[in-house]
Amino acid sequence: MDSLLYVNDGAFLTELREEAKATAQKIYTHFAHFGLQMNMGSPNKKSKMEAVYFPPSMKEAREQNELPPDLKLNNGDNNIHFSSSFKYLGSYITSDLSDELEIEVRIKKATAQMGMLKDFFMCRDVG
């Protein structure tokens, strides 16, 4: 029954880091009011929830070497880590908003599917 107490696939956009932190805290508090939980991390555990920082330009995004520090919530008991990409509704979104990762993933999936059909294509009885 606990598995019914989760909301999946949400996205919230903010302009400032402090707005992101305040929004996440408000959502956490609001969900808790209804008995819902957020999959946040702790100092010892990576969060399932992710945040992505989108720099103002693609050039800055590609030059970005380090991810921002985690968002600390609930007086530091929970955190939301930053990632350079995430999967949302089946598509990969990166901090530089390029489609390179999405194309790479789709090519790998297509290659795997073709590899699984290798025996079919090599069969002499099919033709």
N, C-alpha and C. Protein backbone atom coordinates (compact mmCIF):
# COMPACT_ATOMS: atom_id res chain seq x y z
N MET A 1 0.81 -1.19 0.00
CA MET A 1 0.00 0.00 0.00
C MET A 1 0.85 1.27 0.00
N ASP A 2 2.05 1.20 0.58
CA ASP A 2 2.91 2.38 0.62
C ASP A 2 3.27 2.88 -0.77
N SER A 3 3.32 1.98 -1.75
CA SER A 3 3.71 2.38 -3.10
C SER A 3 2.67 3.31 -3.73
N LEU A 4 1.48 3.38 -3.17
CA LEU A 4 0.46 4.28 -3.70
C LEU A 4 0.65 5.71 -3.19
N LEU A 5 1.62 5.90 -2.32
CA LEU A 5 1.81 7.22 -1.72
C LEU A 5 2.93 8.01 -2.40
N TYR A 6 3.11 7.82 -3.70
CA TYR A 6 4.16 8.54 -4.42
C TYR A 6 3.58 9.23 -5.64
N VAL A 7 4.13 10.37 -5.97
CA VAL A 7 3.79 11.08 -7.19
C VAL A 7 5.04 11.04 -8.06
N ASN A 8 4.91 10.62 -9.30
CA ASN A 8 6.07 10.48 -10.18
C ASN A 8 6.07 11.54 -11.26
N ASP A 9 7.26 11.80 -11.80
CA ASP A 9 7.44 12.65 -12.97
C ASP A 9 6.88 14.05 -12.81
N GLY A 10 7.52 14.81 -11.97
CA GLY A 10 7.17 16.22 -11.83
C GLY A 10 8.38 17.06 -12.19
N ALA A 11 8.13 18.24 -12.71
CA ALA A 11 9.22 19.16 -13.03
C ALA A 11 8.81 20.55 -12.57
N PHE A 12 9.72 21.24 -11.90
CA PHE A 12 9.46 22.58 -11.39
C PHE A 12 10.62 23.47 -11.83
N LEU A 13 10.32 24.57 -12.46
CA LEU A 13 11.35 25.48 -12.97
C LEU A 13 11.39 26.75 -12.12
N THR A 14 12.59 27.13 -11.75
CA THR A 14 12.80 28.38 -11.01
C THR A 14 13.99 29.10 -11.61
N GLU A 15 14.09 30.38 -11.34
CA GLU A 15 15.20 31.16 -11.88
C GLU A 15 16.41 31.18 -10.97
N LEU A 16 16.21 31.11 -9.67
CA LEU A 16 17.30 31.23 -8.72
C LEU A 16 17.42 29.99 -7.85
N ARG A 17 18.63 29.72 -7.39
CA ARG A 17 18.88 28.57 -6.52
C ARG A 17 18.02 28.63 -5.26
N GLU A 18 17.93 29.80 -4.65
CA GLU A 18 17.14 29.93 -3.42
C GLU A 18 15.66 29.67 -3.68
N GLU A 19 15.18 30.06 -4.87
CA GLU A 19 13.80 29.76 -5.24
C GLU A 19 13.60 28.25 -5.38
N ALA A 20 14.58 27.57 -5.96
CA ALA A 20 14.50 26.12 -6.11
C ALA A 20 14.44 25.44 -4.74
N LYS A 21 15.28 25.91 -3.84
CA LYS A 21 15.31 25.35 -2.48
C LYS A 21 13.98 25.60 -1.77
N ALA A 22 13.47 26.83 -1.84
CA ALA A 22 12.21 27.16 -1.19
C ALA A 22 11.04 26.39 -1.81
N THR A 23 11.04 26.24 -3.14
CA THR A 23 9.98 25.50 -3.81
C THR A 23 10.01 24.03 -3.40
N ALA A 24 11.19 23.43 -3.38
CA ALA A 24 11.31 22.03 -2.98
C ALA A 24 10.84 21.84 -1.53
N GLN A 25 11.19 22.77 -0.66
CA GLN A 25 10.77 22.67 0.73
C GLN A 25 9.25 22.80 0.86
N LYS A 26 8.64 23.72 0.10
CA LYS A 26 7.19 23.87 0.12
C LYS A 26 6.50 22.62 -0.39
N ILE A 27 7.02 22.03 -1.46
CA ILE A 27 6.43 20.81 -2.02
C ILE A 27 6.55 19.68 -1.01
N TYR A 28 7.71 19.56 -0.37
CA TYR A 28 7.91 18.52 0.65
C TYR A 28 6.87 18.67 1.76
N THR A 29 6.71 19.88 2.25
CA THR A 29 5.76 20.14 3.34
C THR A 29 4.33 19.88 2.88
N HIS A 30 3.99 20.31 1.69
CA HIS A 30 2.64 20.11 1.16
C HIS A 30 2.34 18.61 0.96
N PHE A 31 3.29 17.89 0.37
CA PHE A 31 3.10 16.45 0.18
C PHE A 31 2.93 15.74 1.52
N ALA A 32 3.75 16.12 2.50
CA ALA A 32 3.68 15.48 3.83
C ALA A 32 2.30 15.67 4.45
N HIS A 33 1.68 16.80 4.19
CA HIS A 33 0.33 17.08 4.70
C HIS A 33 -0.66 16.02 4.23
N PHE A 34 -0.45 15.48 3.03
CA PHE A 34 -1.34 14.47 2.46
C PHE A 34 -0.78 13.05 2.61
N GLY A 35 0.30 12.90 3.36
CA GLY A 35 0.89 11.59 3.57
C GLY A 35 1.76 11.11 2.43
N LEU A 36 2.14 12.02 1.53
CA LEU A 36 3.00 11.67 0.40
C LEU A 36 4.46 11.87 0.78
N GLN A 37 5.35 11.20 0.07
CA GLN A 37 6.78 11.30 0.35
C GLN A 37 7.53 11.71 -0.91
N MET A 38 8.64 12.39 -0.71
CA MET A 38 9.56 12.73 -1.80
C MET A 38 10.81 11.87 -1.62
N ASN A 39 11.34 11.34 -2.71
CA ASN A 39 12.55 10.51 -2.65
C ASN A 39 13.79 11.39 -2.60
N MET A 40 14.02 11.98 -1.45
CA MET A 40 15.19 12.84 -1.28
C MET A 40 16.31 12.04 -0.65
N GLY A 41 17.52 12.54 -0.82
CA GLY A 41 18.67 11.91 -0.23
C GLY A 41 18.94 12.44 1.17
N SER A 42 19.99 11.92 1.73
CA SER A 42 20.46 12.37 3.04
C SER A 42 21.97 12.57 2.92
N PRO A 43 22.62 13.00 3.98
CA PRO A 43 24.08 13.17 3.87
C PRO A 43 24.81 11.88 3.44
N ASN A 44 24.22 10.71 3.71
CA ASN A 44 24.87 9.43 3.38
C ASN A 44 24.31 8.78 2.11
N LYS A 45 23.20 9.29 1.59
CA LYS A 45 22.50 8.62 0.49
C LYS A 45 22.16 9.62 -0.61
N LYS A 46 22.44 9.24 -1.86
CA LYS A 46 22.13 10.08 -3.01
C LYS A 46 20.62 10.15 -3.20
N SER A 47 20.12 11.31 -3.59
CA SER A 47 18.68 11.46 -3.79
C SER A 47 18.25 10.89 -5.14
N LYS A 48 17.05 10.36 -5.17
CA LYS A 48 16.47 9.90 -6.43
C LYS A 48 16.00 11.13 -7.23
N MET A 49 15.61 12.16 -6.52
CA MET A 49 15.19 13.41 -7.12
C MET A 49 16.44 14.18 -7.56
N GLU A 50 16.34 14.87 -8.69
CA GLU A 50 17.49 15.59 -9.21
C GLU A 50 17.15 17.03 -9.52
N ALA A 51 18.15 17.86 -9.49
CA ALA A 51 18.05 19.25 -9.92
C ALA A 51 19.07 19.47 -11.03
N VAL A 52 18.75 20.31 -11.97
CA VAL A 52 19.67 20.64 -13.06
C VAL A 52 19.78 22.15 -13.15
N TYR A 53 21.02 22.62 -13.24
CA TYR A 53 21.28 24.05 -13.45
C TYR A 53 21.52 24.26 -14.94
N PHE A 54 20.74 25.15 -15.53
CA PHE A 54 20.89 25.49 -16.94
C PHE A 54 21.59 26.84 -17.04
N PRO A 55 22.89 26.86 -17.38
CA PRO A 55 23.61 28.13 -17.53
C PRO A 55 22.97 29.01 -18.61
N PRO A 56 23.27 30.31 -18.57
CA PRO A 56 22.64 31.25 -19.51
C PRO A 56 22.99 31.01 -20.98
N SER A 57 24.11 30.37 -21.26
CA SER A 57 24.47 30.12 -22.66
C SER A 57 25.00 28.70 -22.81
N MET A 58 24.93 28.21 -24.05
CA MET A 58 25.44 26.87 -24.33
C MET A 58 26.95 26.82 -24.09
N LYS A 59 27.63 27.91 -24.43
CA LYS A 59 29.08 27.97 -24.22
C LYS A 59 29.40 27.78 -22.74
N GLU A 60 28.70 28.50 -21.86
CA GLU A 60 28.93 28.35 -20.42
C GLU A 60 28.57 26.95 -19.95
N ALA A 61 27.51 26.38 -20.51
CA ALA A 61 27.09 25.03 -20.11
C ALA A 61 28.17 24.01 -20.47
N ARG A 62 28.76 24.15 -21.64
CA ARG A 62 29.78 23.18 -22.07
C ARG A 62 31.10 23.37 -21.33
N GLU A 63 31.34 24.59 -20.83
CA GLU A 63 32.56 24.86 -20.07
C GLU A 63 32.41 24.52 -18.59
N GLN A 64 31.19 24.28 -18.17
CA GLN A 64 30.93 23.98 -16.75
C GLN A 64 31.57 22.65 -16.38
N ASN A 65 32.51 22.68 -15.42
CA ASN A 65 33.23 21.47 -15.02
C ASN A 65 32.67 20.82 -13.77
N GLU A 66 32.09 21.63 -12.90
CA GLU A 66 31.60 21.10 -11.64
C GLU A 66 30.10 21.34 -11.51
N LEU A 67 29.44 20.41 -10.85
CA LEU A 67 28.03 20.58 -10.56
C LEU A 67 27.86 21.43 -9.32
N PRO A 68 26.78 22.19 -9.23
CA PRO A 68 26.54 22.98 -8.02
C PRO A 68 26.37 22.07 -6.80
N PRO A 69 26.59 22.60 -5.60
CA PRO A 69 26.39 21.78 -4.41
C PRO A 69 24.92 21.41 -4.23
N ASP A 70 24.67 20.32 -3.52
CA ASP A 70 23.31 19.84 -3.28
C ASP A 70 22.44 20.92 -2.64
N LEU A 71 21.14 20.83 -2.91
CA LEU A 71 20.17 21.66 -2.20
C LEU A 71 19.88 20.98 -0.87
N LYS A 72 20.07 21.66 0.22
CA LYS A 72 19.84 21.10 1.56
C LYS A 72 18.45 21.50 2.03
N LEU A 73 17.64 20.51 2.42
CA LEU A 73 16.29 20.75 2.91
C LEU A 73 16.13 20.18 4.31
N ASN A 74 15.06 20.58 4.98
CA ASN A 74 14.72 20.07 6.31
C ASN A 74 15.90 20.20 7.27
N ASN A 75 16.45 21.40 7.33
CA ASN A 75 17.58 21.71 8.22
C ASN A 75 18.79 20.81 7.96
N GLY A 76 19.01 20.46 6.71
CA GLY A 76 20.18 19.66 6.33
C GLY A 76 19.98 18.16 6.44
N ASP A 77 18.78 17.70 6.87
CA ASP A 77 18.53 16.25 6.98
C ASP A 77 18.36 15.59 5.62
N ASN A 78 17.88 16.34 4.64
CA ASN A 78 17.65 15.81 3.30
C ASN A 78 18.35 16.68 2.27
N ASN A 79 18.60 16.10 1.10
CA ASN A 79 19.21 16.88 0.03
C ASN A 79 18.69 16.44 -1.33
N ILE A 80 18.85 17.32 -2.28
CA ILE A 80 18.55 17.03 -3.68
C ILE A 80 19.84 17.34 -4.43
N HIS A 81 20.38 16.33 -5.11
CA HIS A 81 21.65 16.54 -5.79
C HIS A 81 21.45 17.11 -7.19
N PHE A 82 22.47 17.75 -7.68
CA PHE A 82 22.47 18.31 -9.03
C PHE A 82 23.05 17.29 -10.00
N SER A 83 22.54 17.29 -11.19
CA SER A 83 22.99 16.39 -12.25
C SER A 83 23.18 17.21 -13.52
N SER A 84 24.00 16.72 -14.43
CA SER A 84 24.19 17.42 -15.70
C SER A 84 23.12 17.02 -16.72
N SER A 85 22.38 15.94 -16.42
CA SER A 85 21.29 15.50 -17.31
C SER A 85 20.28 14.71 -16.49
N PHE A 86 19.09 14.58 -17.04
CA PHE A 86 18.08 13.74 -16.41
C PHE A 86 17.11 13.24 -17.47
N LYS A 87 16.40 12.19 -17.11
CA LYS A 87 15.43 11.60 -18.01
C LYS A 87 14.05 12.03 -17.55
N TYR A 88 13.31 12.65 -18.44
CA TYR A 88 11.96 13.11 -18.12
C TYR A 88 11.01 12.66 -19.22
N LEU A 89 10.01 11.88 -18.83
CA LEU A 89 9.03 11.36 -19.77
C LEU A 89 9.68 10.67 -20.97
N GLY A 90 10.74 9.92 -20.69
CA GLY A 90 11.39 9.11 -21.71
C GLY A 90 12.49 9.78 -22.52
N SER A 91 12.69 11.07 -22.33
CA SER A 91 13.72 11.78 -23.09
C SER A 91 14.77 12.35 -22.15
N TYR A 92 16.01 12.39 -22.63
CA TYR A 92 17.11 12.93 -21.83
C TYR A 92 17.25 14.42 -22.09
N ILE A 93 17.36 15.18 -21.02
CA ILE A 93 17.54 16.62 -21.09
C ILE A 93 18.87 16.93 -20.40
N THR A 94 19.73 17.67 -21.08
CA THR A 94 21.05 17.99 -20.53
C THR A 94 21.12 19.48 -20.19
N SER A 95 22.09 19.83 -19.36
CA SER A 95 22.22 21.21 -18.92
C SER A 95 22.58 22.16 -20.06
N ASP A 96 23.15 21.63 -21.14
CA ASP A 96 23.45 22.51 -22.29
C ASP A 96 22.33 22.47 -23.35
N LEU A 97 21.26 21.74 -23.05
CA LEU A 97 20.08 21.62 -23.91
C LEU A 97 20.40 21.09 -25.31
N SER A 98 21.49 20.36 -25.43
CA SER A 98 21.80 19.75 -26.73
C SER A 98 21.07 18.41 -26.82
N ASP A 99 20.97 17.88 -28.02
CA ASP A 99 20.31 16.60 -28.20
C ASP A 99 21.30 15.45 -28.39
N GLU A 100 22.58 15.71 -28.15
CA GLU A 100 23.61 14.70 -28.38
C GLU A 100 23.40 13.44 -27.53
N LEU A 101 23.09 13.59 -26.24
CA LEU A 101 22.87 12.44 -25.37
C LEU A 101 21.65 11.65 -25.82
N GLU A 102 20.58 12.35 -26.17
CA GLU A 102 19.35 11.68 -26.63
C GLU A 102 19.62 10.85 -27.88
N ILE A 103 20.36 11.40 -28.82
CA ILE A 103 20.69 10.67 -30.06
C ILE A 103 21.56 9.47 -29.74
N GLU A 104 22.56 9.65 -28.88
CA GLU A 104 23.46 8.56 -28.50
C GLU A 104 22.67 7.41 -27.86
N VAL A 105 21.75 7.73 -26.97
CA VAL A 105 20.95 6.71 -26.30
C VAL A 105 20.07 5.97 -27.31
N ARG A 106 19.46 6.71 -28.22
CA ARG A 106 18.59 6.07 -29.21
C ARG A 106 19.38 5.17 -30.16
N ILE A 107 20.58 5.59 -30.54
CA ILE A 107 21.42 4.74 -31.40
C ILE A 107 21.80 3.46 -30.67
N LYS A 108 22.16 3.57 -29.38
CA LYS A 108 22.51 2.38 -28.59
C LYS A 108 21.32 1.43 -28.49
N LYS A 109 20.12 1.96 -28.28
CA LYS A 109 18.93 1.12 -28.20
C LYS A 109 18.66 0.42 -29.53
N ALA A 110 18.79 1.16 -30.63
CA ALA A 110 18.56 0.57 -31.96
C ALA A 110 19.60 -0.50 -32.25
N THR A 111 20.86 -0.25 -31.89
CA THR A 111 21.93 -1.23 -32.09
C THR A 111 21.65 -2.50 -31.29
N ALA A 112 21.19 -2.33 -30.06
CA ALA A 112 20.87 -3.50 -29.23
C ALA A 112 19.72 -4.30 -29.84
N GLN A 113 18.71 -3.61 -30.35
CA GLN A 113 17.58 -4.30 -30.97
C GLN A 113 18.03 -5.06 -32.22
N MET A 114 18.85 -4.45 -33.02
CA MET A 114 19.35 -5.12 -34.22
C MET A 114 20.23 -6.32 -33.84
N GLY A 115 21.00 -6.16 -32.78
CA GLY A 115 21.84 -7.27 -32.31
C GLY A 115 20.99 -8.46 -31.88
N MET A 116 19.85 -8.19 -31.28
CA MET A 116 18.97 -9.28 -30.85
C MET A 116 18.36 -10.00 -32.06
N LEU A 117 18.29 -9.34 -33.20
CA LEU A 117 17.74 -9.95 -34.41
C LEU A 117 18.81 -10.60 -35.28
N LYS A 118 20.05 -10.61 -34.81
CA LYS A 118 21.17 -11.13 -35.59
C LYS A 118 20.90 -12.56 -36.06
N ASP A 119 20.44 -13.42 -35.17
CA ASP A 119 20.19 -14.82 -35.54
C ASP A 119 19.10 -14.92 -36.60
N PHE A 120 18.11 -14.07 -36.52
CA PHE A 120 17.04 -14.07 -37.52
C PHE A 120 17.60 -13.71 -38.89
N PHE A 121 18.42 -12.66 -38.95
CA PHE A 121 18.97 -12.23 -40.22
C PHE A 121 19.97 -13.24 -40.80
N MET A 122 20.65 -13.98 -39.94
CA MET A 122 21.64 -14.95 -40.39
C MET A 122 21.03 -16.31 -40.74
N CYS A 123 19.77 -16.52 -40.42
CA CYS A 123 19.12 -17.81 -40.65
C CYS A 123 18.90 -18.04 -42.14
N ARG A 124 19.34 -19.18 -42.62
CA ARG A 124 19.21 -19.50 -44.04
C ARG A 124 17.77 -19.84 -44.43
N ASP A 125 16.97 -20.22 -43.45
CA ASP A 125 15.58 -20.60 -43.73
C ASP A 125 14.67 -19.39 -43.93
N VAL A 126 15.16 -18.21 -43.55
CA VAL A 126 14.36 -16.99 -43.72
C VAL A 126 14.83 -16.34 -45.01
N GLY A 127 13.92 -16.03 -45.87
CA GLY A 127 14.42 -15.39 -47.05
C GLY A 127 13.42 -15.14 -48.03
